[in-house]
Amino acid sequence: MHEFLIHNRAELIERCKAKVALRPLRSATPEQLKNGIPLFLEQLIRTLQAESEGESGESIRISGASGGGSSSTVSEMGLTATAHGKRLLELGYSVDQVVHAYGDLCQAITDTAVERDAPFTVDEFRTLNRCLDNAIAEAVTEFSVQRDLATARRYSEESNERHGFLLHELRNSLHTASLALTALETGKLPIAGATGAVLRRSLVALTSLVKHALDEVRVAAALSDDKEVFSLASFVADAGSAALLDANARGCSFIVRNTIDPDIEVEGERELLLGAVMNLVQNAFKFTRPGTEVSLNAHATSDGIVSIDVEDRCGGLPPGVAEMIFRPFTRRHGDKSGLGLGLSIARQNVEAVGGTLTVSDLPGKGCVFTITLHRHKHHFAAEAPGK
């Protein structure tokens, strides 16, 4: 058999490549073949040669013992099959395609042998099957190990991101509540006033975040859909009150730029949207230049689009930053405080209520973060005259 394989090596490889090419969305590549069929074929030839010369120890060293065992894990064939299984996973192949790659060679050898009327001994067939068995076992084992490791890493990253989001939002709400409480205590303000309302809303937000976290633990599902219709003017006023407390604590200048039509309403999860705006405002406070102003603005267009803008004077964005600024754990301008989650959370919250969040660069001045939503449509039942 080893002489047959040597003489027909190139054709056998081409047949295997042709079989791979027939499968959906797959074609043979140099990367796929590097530790695959050509190397396996070379090791099979040397194994058969060793056995024909009575060197059983050399045969086992090359391709491993029958049925696997400890020796197969250090054989040449075991090591290269392991590398082959790992590479196929990296290329996006499935475990059945790993097995098929070796099955293709077995089929190619059989077909070619029948065409050339090449007789093989029973012992040679046993060696072929032993080599295929060991190689497939090692390749599939490594493929499964690497796949499980990749799945575990992905789950860990997703879990870490979710926990980071939750902790970031809890910290923000707790920070706002602490500022409100300090203002109430030092200013002897009435609890029923605007500052007290900020405290109440922060506590409500904290309660909501804990509730959502518990819901995820209980049912491993997305956040519940708690949509409501609310006034844009009232919403911006609440956001402005909370932001003003933070601005005073940071020594920043903050302003709500315009008066909003009280008839404008939006629909969605109010607390998610408020969390998004507060993340944008806190980001603006963090990066705006000393002595400059952060502003909050909102308006609606005639075609039913509502925009909420947070503008700062950070000096503008460096090239390329706008494309990556919303990625989790991204911090700009060399900033090392916080987790780099605020803008990612803001975008996630906005998208959860059906909106979009974008950033516009003001070169040399600053940037504007814009939340875009659809205005809630009122449906009035028109009564006919005389009714």
Protein backbone atom coordinates (compact mmCIF):
# COMPACT_ATOMS: atom_id res chain seq x y z
CA MET A 1 0.00 0.00 0.00
CA HIS A 2 2.79 2.43 0.80
CA GLU A 3 4.16 2.18 -2.76
CA PHE A 4 0.64 2.76 -4.13
CA LEU A 5 0.27 5.86 -1.95
CA ILE A 6 3.65 7.23 -3.01
CA HIS A 7 2.87 6.86 -6.72
CA ASN A 8 -0.64 8.30 -6.40
CA ARG A 9 -0.05 10.92 -3.69
CA ALA A 10 -0.76 14.00 -5.85
CA GLU A 11 -3.95 12.52 -7.31
CA LEU A 12 -5.25 11.48 -3.90
CA ILE A 13 -4.78 15.01 -2.57
CA GLU A 14 -6.55 16.49 -5.58
CA ARG A 15 -9.47 14.11 -5.11
CA CYS A 16 -9.78 15.15 -1.48
CA LYS A 17 -9.72 18.82 -2.47
CA ALA A 18 -12.44 18.19 -5.05
CA LYS A 19 -14.65 16.49 -2.44
CA VAL A 20 -14.22 19.43 -0.03
CA ALA A 21 -15.07 21.90 -2.81
CA LEU A 22 -18.41 20.16 -3.42
CA ARG A 23 -19.62 20.92 0.11
CA PRO A 24 -21.72 24.09 0.63
CA LEU A 25 -19.74 27.27 1.37
CA ARG A 26 -16.47 25.37 1.70
CA SER A 27 -13.36 25.08 -0.46
CA ALA A 28 -9.95 23.62 0.17
CA THR A 29 -7.38 26.19 1.24
CA PRO A 30 -3.65 26.02 1.98
CA GLU A 31 -4.45 26.77 5.65
CA GLN A 32 -6.97 23.93 5.82
CA LEU A 33 -4.51 21.45 4.30
CA LYS A 34 -1.40 22.55 6.19
CA ASN A 35 -1.67 19.97 9.00
CA GLY A 36 -4.36 17.92 7.29
CA ILE A 37 -4.46 15.42 4.45
CA PRO A 38 -0.96 15.91 2.88
CA LEU A 39 0.81 15.52 6.22
CA PHE A 40 -1.45 12.65 7.30
CA LEU A 41 -0.76 10.88 4.00
CA GLU A 42 3.00 11.26 4.46
CA GLN A 43 2.77 9.83 7.98
CA LEU A 44 0.58 6.96 6.78
CA ILE A 45 3.18 6.08 4.13
CA ARG A 46 5.98 6.04 6.71
CA THR A 47 3.86 3.95 9.08
CA LEU A 48 3.22 1.35 6.37
CA GLN A 49 6.90 1.33 5.39
CA ALA A 50 7.94 0.77 9.00
CA GLU A 51 5.53 -2.15 9.34
CA SER A 52 6.67 -3.70 6.06
CA GLU A 53 10.22 -3.63 7.43
CA GLY A 54 9.18 -5.15 10.76
CA GLU A 55 9.73 -1.95 12.76
CA SER A 56 6.53 -1.98 14.83
CA GLY A 57 7.96 0.42 17.40
CA GLU A 58 8.62 3.04 14.73
CA SER A 59 5.11 2.49 13.36
CA ILE A 60 3.60 3.18 16.80
CA ARG A 61 5.84 6.24 17.27
CA ILE A 62 4.60 7.75 14.04
CA SER A 63 0.88 6.98 14.21
CA GLY A 64 0.07 5.68 17.70
CA ALA A 65 -1.25 2.40 19.03
CA SER A 66 -4.51 0.79 18.01
CA GLY A 67 -7.46 2.16 20.00
CA GLY A 68 -5.57 5.30 21.04
CA GLY A 69 -4.10 5.09 24.53
CA SER A 70 -1.36 7.15 26.12
CA SER A 71 1.09 6.50 23.26
CA SER A 72 -1.20 8.12 20.69
CA THR A 73 -1.05 11.44 22.46
CA VAL A 74 2.68 11.79 21.73
CA SER A 75 2.72 10.28 18.24
CA GLU A 76 3.55 12.44 15.24
CA MET A 77 0.14 11.81 13.78
CA GLY A 78 -1.58 12.73 17.05
CA LEU A 79 0.24 16.06 17.28
CA THR A 80 -0.44 17.09 13.70
CA ALA A 81 -4.07 15.96 13.88
CA THR A 82 -4.46 18.06 17.00
CA ALA A 83 -3.12 21.11 15.15
CA HIS A 84 -5.42 20.28 12.22
CA GLY A 85 -8.53 20.16 14.44
CA LYS A 86 -7.62 23.50 16.02
CA ARG A 87 -7.04 25.13 12.64
CA LEU A 88 -10.35 23.90 11.21
CA LEU A 89 -12.19 25.47 14.16
CA GLU A 90 -10.42 28.78 13.50
CA LEU A 91 -11.50 28.58 9.85
CA GLY A 92 -15.14 28.11 10.87
CA TYR A 93 -15.55 24.42 10.10
CA SER A 94 -17.93 22.14 12.02
CA VAL A 95 -16.98 18.93 13.79
CA ASP A 96 -18.58 16.76 11.08
CA GLN A 97 -16.38 18.47 8.49
CA VAL A 98 -13.33 17.54 10.56
CA VAL A 99 -14.35 13.89 10.34
CA HIS A 100 -15.23 14.18 6.64
CA ALA A 101 -11.77 15.51 5.82
CA TYR A 102 -10.22 12.17 6.83
CA GLY A 103 -13.10 10.19 5.38
CA ASP A 104 -12.44 11.87 2.03
CA LEU A 105 -8.93 10.41 1.96
CA CYS A 106 -10.14 6.93 2.85
CA GLN A 107 -12.69 7.12 0.05
CA ALA A 108 -10.12 8.50 -2.39
CA ILE A 109 -7.69 5.65 -1.59
CA THR A 110 -10.43 3.04 -2.02
CA ASP A 111 -11.73 4.48 -5.30
CA THR A 112 -8.28 4.86 -6.79
CA ALA A 113 -7.26 1.36 -5.72
CA VAL A 114 -10.34 -0.11 -7.40
CA GLU A 115 -9.66 1.86 -10.59
CA ARG A 116 -6.01 0.74 -10.68
CA ASP A 117 -6.81 -2.81 -9.53
CA ALA A 118 -4.32 -2.44 -6.69
CA PRO A 119 -4.66 -5.26 -4.11
CA PHE A 120 -3.99 -4.48 -0.43
CA THR A 121 -3.47 -6.93 2.40
CA VAL A 122 -5.77 -7.20 5.40
CA ASP A 123 -2.98 -5.95 7.68
CA GLU A 124 -2.52 -2.86 5.49
CA PHE A 125 -6.24 -2.08 5.72
CA ARG A 126 -6.01 -2.50 9.50
CA THR A 127 -3.12 -0.02 9.61
CA LEU A 128 -5.04 2.45 7.45
CA ASN A 129 -8.06 2.20 9.76
CA ARG A 130 -5.86 2.54 12.86
CA CYS A 131 -4.25 5.70 11.50
CA LEU A 132 -7.60 7.20 10.51
CA ASP A 133 -9.10 6.30 13.89
CA ASN A 134 -6.26 7.92 15.86
CA ALA A 135 -6.07 11.01 13.66
CA ILE A 136 -9.85 11.60 13.75
CA ALA A 137 -9.93 11.08 17.52
CA GLU A 138 -7.13 13.59 18.13
CA ALA A 139 -8.50 16.16 15.67
CA VAL A 140 -12.07 15.96 17.00
CA THR A 141 -10.87 16.06 20.62
CA GLU A 142 -8.81 19.20 20.04
CA PHE A 143 -11.61 20.74 17.98
CA SER A 144 -14.06 20.16 20.85
CA VAL A 145 -11.64 21.43 23.49
CA GLN A 146 -10.93 24.63 21.57
CA ARG A 147 -14.63 25.14 20.79
CA ASP A 148 -15.52 24.75 24.48
CA LEU A 149 -12.76 27.17 25.47
CA ALA A 150 -13.99 29.71 22.91
CA THR A 151 -17.56 29.34 24.17
CA ALA A 152 -16.43 29.77 27.78
CA ARG A 153 -14.41 32.88 26.88
CA ARG A 154 -17.34 34.38 24.99
CA TYR A 155 -19.73 33.69 27.86
CA SER A 156 -17.27 35.19 30.34
CA GLU A 157 -16.88 38.34 28.22
CA GLU A 158 -20.66 38.72 27.82
CA SER A 159 -21.23 38.12 31.53
CA ASN A 160 -18.51 40.62 32.46
CA GLU A 161 -20.05 43.21 30.14
CA ARG A 162 -23.54 42.72 31.60
CA HIS A 163 -22.21 43.03 35.15
CA GLY A 164 -20.24 46.11 34.15
CA PHE A 165 -23.38 47.72 32.70
CA LEU A 166 -25.37 46.99 35.85
CA LEU A 167 -22.69 48.28 38.22
CA HIS A 168 -22.17 51.40 36.12
CA GLU A 169 -25.88 52.25 36.18
CA LEU A 170 -26.18 51.49 39.90
CA ARG A 171 -23.22 53.76 40.59
CA ASN A 172 -24.74 56.60 38.56
CA SER A 173 -28.12 56.41 40.31
CA LEU A 174 -26.46 56.13 43.72
CA HIS A 175 -24.24 59.12 42.91
CA THR A 176 -27.24 61.25 41.93
CA ALA A 177 -29.14 60.19 45.06
CA SER A 178 -26.14 61.08 47.24
CA LEU A 179 -25.86 64.53 45.65
CA ALA A 180 -29.55 65.16 46.17
CA LEU A 181 -29.37 64.07 49.80
CA THR A 182 -26.35 66.31 50.41
CA ALA A 183 -28.16 69.25 48.86
CA LEU A 184 -31.23 68.60 51.02
CA GLU A 185 -29.14 68.39 54.18
CA THR A 186 -26.84 71.36 53.59
CA GLY A 187 -29.41 73.66 52.03
CA LYS A 188 -32.25 72.72 54.38
CA LEU A 189 -34.43 72.27 51.31
CA PRO A 190 -37.94 70.84 51.54
CA ILE A 191 -38.16 67.14 50.68
CA ALA A 192 -41.23 67.88 48.57
CA GLY A 193 -39.29 70.22 46.26
CA ALA A 194 -37.37 69.66 43.05
CA THR A 195 -34.27 68.29 44.79
CA GLY A 196 -36.40 65.83 46.72
CA ALA A 197 -37.91 64.73 43.42
CA VAL A 198 -34.43 64.03 42.09
CA LEU A 199 -33.73 61.87 45.14
CA ARG A 200 -36.98 59.98 44.66
CA ARG A 201 -36.30 59.35 40.98
CA SER A 202 -32.80 58.09 41.75
CA LEU A 203 -34.18 55.67 44.31
CA VAL A 204 -36.79 54.52 41.81
CA ALA A 205 -34.05 53.97 39.25
CA LEU A 206 -32.02 51.96 41.77
CA THR A 207 -35.06 49.83 42.55
CA SER A 208 -35.72 49.29 38.86
CA LEU A 209 -32.13 48.24 38.17
CA VAL A 210 -32.16 45.74 41.02
CA LYS A 211 -35.52 44.41 39.83
CA HIS A 212 -34.22 43.95 36.29
CA ALA A 213 -31.10 42.19 37.57
CA LEU A 214 -33.23 39.80 39.64
CA ASP A 215 -35.48 39.17 36.64
CA GLU A 216 -32.43 38.19 34.57
CA VAL A 217 -31.31 35.78 37.28
CA ARG A 218 -34.77 34.24 37.56
CA VAL A 219 -35.65 33.83 33.90
CA ALA A 220 -32.39 34.60 31.99
CA ALA A 221 -34.40 36.86 29.71
CA ALA A 222 -34.24 40.43 28.43
CA LEU A 223 -35.57 43.35 30.40
CA SER A 224 -39.33 43.63 30.53
CA ASP A 225 -41.08 46.08 28.27
CA ASP A 226 -42.37 48.85 30.55
CA LYS A 227 -43.33 51.41 27.93
CA GLU A 228 -45.14 54.58 28.83
CA VAL A 229 -46.07 57.81 27.11
CA PHE A 230 -44.50 60.85 28.74
CA SER A 231 -43.97 64.55 28.13
CA LEU A 232 -40.65 65.48 26.54
CA ALA A 233 -40.64 68.81 28.40
CA SER A 234 -41.15 67.11 31.76
CA PHE A 235 -38.51 64.52 30.92
CA VAL A 236 -35.91 67.15 29.98
CA ALA A 237 -36.76 69.13 33.12
CA ASP A 238 -36.12 66.05 35.28
CA ALA A 239 -32.87 65.31 33.46
CA GLY A 240 -31.84 68.97 33.80
CA SER A 241 -32.51 69.01 37.56
CA ALA A 242 -30.39 65.90 38.11
CA ALA A 243 -27.66 67.22 35.83
CA LEU A 244 -27.56 70.57 37.59
CA LEU A 245 -26.82 68.85 40.91
CA ASP A 246 -23.94 67.01 39.29
CA ALA A 247 -22.71 70.19 37.60
CA ASN A 248 -22.66 72.06 40.89
CA ALA A 249 -20.73 69.24 42.54
CA ARG A 250 -18.17 69.25 39.71
CA GLY A 251 -17.97 73.03 39.39
CA CYS A 252 -19.20 72.94 35.77
CA SER A 253 -21.56 75.26 33.94
CA PHE A 254 -24.75 73.61 32.69
CA ILE A 255 -27.81 74.93 30.86
CA VAL A 256 -31.01 73.64 29.28
CA ARG A 257 -31.07 75.72 26.11
CA ASN A 258 -34.69 76.08 25.04
CA THR A 259 -38.29 75.87 26.11
CA ILE A 260 -39.95 72.67 24.91
CA ASP A 261 -43.53 72.44 23.70
CA PRO A 262 -45.45 70.67 26.50
CA ASP A 263 -47.59 68.83 23.92
CA ILE A 264 -44.63 66.86 22.57
CA GLU A 265 -44.67 63.31 23.89
CA VAL A 266 -42.55 60.22 23.37
CA GLU A 267 -43.15 56.57 24.17
CA GLY A 268 -40.74 54.13 25.74
CA GLU A 269 -39.10 53.07 28.98
CA ARG A 270 -38.60 56.41 30.68
CA GLU A 271 -35.95 55.26 33.15
CA LEU A 272 -33.83 53.68 30.40
CA LEU A 273 -33.94 56.89 28.41
CA LEU A 274 -33.21 59.01 31.47
CA GLY A 275 -30.24 56.78 32.25
CA ALA A 276 -28.96 57.32 28.71
CA VAL A 277 -29.23 61.12 28.97
CA MET A 278 -27.54 61.17 32.36
CA ASN A 279 -24.66 59.06 31.03
CA LEU A 280 -24.22 61.53 28.17
CA VAL A 281 -24.32 64.52 30.52
CA GLN A 282 -21.83 62.97 32.93
CA ASN A 283 -19.55 62.13 30.00
CA ALA A 284 -19.81 65.77 28.89
CA PHE A 285 -18.94 67.04 32.38
CA LYS A 286 -15.96 64.71 32.40
CA PHE A 287 -14.41 65.93 29.15
CA THR A 288 -15.56 69.52 28.68
CA ARG A 289 -12.79 72.06 29.09
CA PRO A 290 -12.58 74.16 32.27
CA GLY A 291 -14.64 77.33 32.09
CA THR A 292 -16.83 76.03 29.26
CA GLU A 293 -20.47 74.98 29.22
CA VAL A 294 -22.39 71.75 28.83
CA SER A 295 -25.88 72.09 27.39
CA LEU A 296 -28.98 69.98 27.05
CA ASN A 297 -31.41 70.65 24.24
CA ALA A 298 -34.48 68.94 22.78
CA HIS A 299 -36.84 69.63 19.92
CA ALA A 300 -39.23 67.96 17.49
CA THR A 301 -39.38 68.29 13.73
CA SER A 302 -42.46 68.52 11.54
CA ASP A 303 -41.98 64.94 10.34
CA GLY A 304 -42.38 63.52 13.86
CA ILE A 305 -38.73 63.12 14.85
CA VAL A 306 -37.64 64.07 18.38
CA SER A 307 -34.00 64.92 19.06
CA ILE A 308 -32.28 65.27 22.43
CA ASP A 309 -28.82 66.84 22.24
CA VAL A 310 -26.04 66.95 24.82
CA GLU A 311 -23.25 69.30 23.74
CA ASP A 312 -19.86 69.83 25.35
CA ARG A 313 -16.70 71.79 24.72
CA CYS A 314 -14.13 69.00 24.86
CA GLY A 315 -12.15 70.45 21.98
CA GLY A 316 -13.32 67.96 19.39
CA LEU A 317 -12.72 64.29 18.74
CA PRO A 318 -9.45 62.83 17.47
CA PRO A 319 -9.63 61.10 14.05
CA GLY A 320 -11.29 57.70 14.23
CA VAL A 321 -12.64 58.10 17.76
CA ALA A 322 -16.24 58.71 16.67
CA GLU A 323 -16.40 55.22 15.11
CA MET A 324 -15.29 53.42 18.27
CA ILE A 325 -16.47 55.67 21.08
CA PHE A 326 -19.59 53.60 21.82
CA ARG A 327 -17.72 50.33 22.22
CA PRO A 328 -17.74 48.81 25.74
CA PHE A 329 -14.69 49.55 27.92
CA THR A 330 -13.48 52.31 25.59
CA ARG A 331 -11.95 55.36 27.26
CA ARG A 332 -10.81 58.39 25.28
CA HIS A 333 -8.10 61.01 25.68
CA GLY A 334 -6.06 58.68 27.89
CA ASP A 335 -8.69 58.86 30.64
CA LYS A 336 -8.29 56.03 33.15
CA SER A 337 -11.21 56.73 35.49
CA GLY A 338 -14.39 54.71 35.29
CA LEU A 339 -14.95 51.56 33.25
CA GLY A 340 -15.45 53.10 29.82
CA LEU A 341 -19.05 51.86 29.74
CA GLY A 342 -21.10 55.06 29.95
CA LEU A 343 -21.53 55.70 26.22
CA SER A 344 -22.02 52.01 25.45
CA ILE A 345 -24.78 51.83 28.07
CA ALA A 346 -26.34 55.03 26.74
CA ARG A 347 -26.55 53.61 23.22
CA GLN A 348 -27.91 50.30 24.49
CA ASN A 349 -30.61 52.10 26.49
CA VAL A 350 -31.59 54.33 23.57
CA GLU A 351 -31.81 51.41 21.16
CA ALA A 352 -33.92 49.51 23.71
CA VAL A 353 -36.58 52.23 23.42
CA GLY A 354 -36.43 52.22 19.63
CA GLY A 355 -34.15 55.21 19.13
CA THR A 356 -30.65 55.89 17.86
CA LEU A 357 -27.64 57.57 19.45
CA THR A 358 -24.98 59.27 17.35
CA VAL A 359 -22.14 61.72 17.88
CA SER A 360 -21.20 64.75 15.78
CA ASP A 361 -17.75 66.29 15.98
CA LEU A 362 -17.35 70.07 16.27
CA PRO A 363 -13.68 70.34 15.23
CA GLY A 364 -11.69 72.45 17.64
CA LYS A 365 -14.75 73.04 19.83
CA GLY A 366 -16.42 69.91 21.14
CA CYS A 367 -19.01 67.34 20.17
CA VAL A 368 -22.76 66.78 20.24
CA PHE A 369 -24.38 63.50 21.24
CA THR A 370 -27.83 63.19 19.71
CA ILE A 371 -30.62 60.84 20.74
CA THR A 372 -33.21 60.48 17.98
CA LEU A 373 -36.70 59.15 18.74
CA HIS A 374 -40.10 59.03 17.10
CA ARG A 375 -42.67 61.43 18.50
CA HIS A 376 -45.71 59.73 20.01
CA LYS A 377 -48.74 60.13 17.75
CA HIS A 378 -52.02 61.20 19.34
CA HIS A 379 -55.16 59.57 18.05
CA PHE A 380 -58.27 61.59 18.67
CA ALA A 381 -61.72 60.30 17.82
CA ALA A 382 -63.34 63.08 15.80
CA GLU A 383 -67.00 63.45 16.59
CA ALA A 384 -69.36 64.26 13.79
CA PRO A 385 -71.41 67.49 14.09
CA GLY A 386 -74.70 67.09 15.88
CA LYS A 387 -73.63 64.18 18.01
